[in-house]
């Protein structure tokens, strides 16, 4: 005897297996699959953003530090900014190339 509102077990999402009844809903499985893909894509984009930010900040900081060390006030800072921008472009090209290979 079943207790509950639903009288037809398969209509309510119950499936019988060797261990007994279990609740299995195909919508929940699709949601978890979509959620997993979304998290993977989000982690890819966050990783790319972190690489861009760190590469740019590192080169700008090195240019600023070198200006203070050698007394070449804005020159090496500008070199660091240009090197940081070049690093950003290289990271973007690498990620775009990987994305094109996946398709």
Protein backbone atom coordinates (compact mmCIF):
# COMPACT_ATOMS: atom_id res chain seq x y z
CA UNK A 1 0.00 0.00 0.00
CA UNK A 2 1.34 3.41 -0.99
CA UNK A 3 0.90 6.50 1.09
CA UNK A 4 0.63 9.80 -0.76
CA UNK A 5 -1.39 11.70 -3.30
CA UNK A 6 -0.08 10.09 -6.48
CA UNK A 7 -1.63 6.74 -7.38
CA UNK A 8 0.44 6.03 -10.52
CA UNK A 9 4.11 5.61 -9.54
CA UNK A 10 5.63 6.36 -12.95
CA UNK A 11 3.51 9.48 -13.46
CA UNK A 12 4.87 10.97 -10.23
CA UNK A 13 8.49 10.35 -11.17
CA UNK A 14 9.02 7.20 -9.13
CA UNK A 15 11.11 4.50 -10.67
CA UNK A 16 11.64 1.14 -9.05
CA UNK A 17 15.13 -0.22 -8.86
CA UNK A 18 16.69 -3.06 -6.89
CA UNK A 19 16.99 -1.00 -3.74
CA UNK A 20 13.40 0.19 -3.80
CA UNK A 21 11.61 3.23 -5.17
CA UNK A 22 13.61 6.32 -5.96
CA UNK A 23 12.55 9.75 -7.16
CA UNK A 24 14.04 10.44 -10.55
CA UNK A 25 13.03 13.39 -12.67
CA UNK A 26 14.49 14.04 -16.11
CA UNK A 27 14.11 17.81 -15.60
CA UNK A 28 16.42 17.64 -12.58
CA UNK A 29 19.02 15.76 -14.63
CA UNK A 30 18.90 18.31 -17.45
CA UNK A 31 19.17 21.13 -14.93
CA UNK A 32 22.26 19.64 -13.33
CA UNK A 33 23.85 19.09 -16.75
CA UNK A 34 23.11 22.68 -17.80
CA UNK A 35 24.35 23.93 -14.45
CA UNK A 36 27.60 21.99 -14.84
CA UNK A 37 28.19 23.43 -18.29
CA UNK A 38 27.45 26.92 -17.00
CA UNK A 39 29.89 26.55 -14.13
CA UNK A 40 32.59 25.26 -16.48
CA UNK A 41 32.04 28.18 -18.86
CA UNK A 42 32.04 30.63 -15.98
CA UNK A 43 35.29 29.21 -14.64
CA UNK A 44 36.85 29.52 -18.11
CA UNK A 45 35.85 33.17 -18.35
CA UNK A 46 36.96 33.94 -14.80
CA UNK A 47 40.31 32.29 -15.49
CA UNK A 48 40.74 34.30 -18.66
CA UNK A 49 39.86 37.53 -16.86
CA UNK A 50 42.29 36.75 -14.08
CA UNK A 51 45.08 36.03 -16.56
CA UNK A 52 44.44 39.33 -18.34
CA UNK A 53 44.31 41.35 -15.13
CA UNK A 54 47.42 39.76 -13.64
CA UNK A 55 49.48 40.09 -16.82
CA UNK A 56 48.55 43.74 -17.21
CA UNK A 57 49.05 44.63 -13.53
CA UNK A 58 52.38 42.79 -13.36
CA UNK A 59 53.88 44.68 -16.28
CA UNK A 60 52.53 48.03 -15.10
CA UNK A 61 53.91 47.40 -11.60
CA UNK A 62 57.30 46.39 -13.00
CA UNK A 63 57.40 49.57 -15.11
CA UNK A 64 56.47 51.70 -12.10
CA UNK A 65 59.07 49.96 -9.93
CA UNK A 66 61.77 50.35 -12.60
CA UNK A 67 60.96 54.07 -12.93
CA UNK A 68 61.50 54.55 -9.22
CA UNK A 69 64.69 52.49 -9.24
CA UNK A 70 66.34 54.08 -12.29
CA UNK A 71 64.77 57.55 -12.14
CA UNK A 72 63.22 57.47 -15.61
CA UNK A 73 59.90 58.79 -14.37
CA UNK A 74 57.15 58.00 -16.88
CA UNK A 75 59.15 56.17 -19.58
CA UNK A 76 59.36 52.65 -18.12
CA UNK A 77 55.80 52.91 -16.82
CA UNK A 78 54.63 53.44 -20.41
CA UNK A 79 56.79 50.51 -21.53
CA UNK A 80 55.10 48.41 -18.83
CA UNK A 81 51.65 49.51 -20.01
CA UNK A 82 52.50 48.60 -23.62
CA UNK A 83 53.92 45.22 -22.52
CA UNK A 84 50.81 44.60 -20.39
CA UNK A 85 48.55 45.36 -23.34
CA UNK A 86 50.59 43.03 -25.53
CA UNK A 87 50.23 40.31 -22.88
CA UNK A 88 46.48 40.86 -22.80
CA UNK A 89 46.25 40.52 -26.57
CA UNK A 90 48.30 37.31 -26.49
CA UNK A 91 46.03 35.80 -23.82
CA UNK A 92 42.93 36.74 -25.82
CA UNK A 93 44.37 35.26 -29.01
CA UNK A 94 45.26 32.04 -27.19
CA UNK A 95 41.76 31.71 -25.72
CA UNK A 96 40.11 32.52 -29.05
CA UNK A 97 42.25 29.89 -30.78
CA UNK A 98 41.27 27.28 -28.18
CA UNK A 99 37.60 28.20 -28.54
CA UNK A 100 37.78 27.79 -32.33
CA UNK A 101 39.38 24.35 -31.97
CA UNK A 102 36.60 23.19 -29.63
CA UNK A 103 33.89 23.92 -32.22
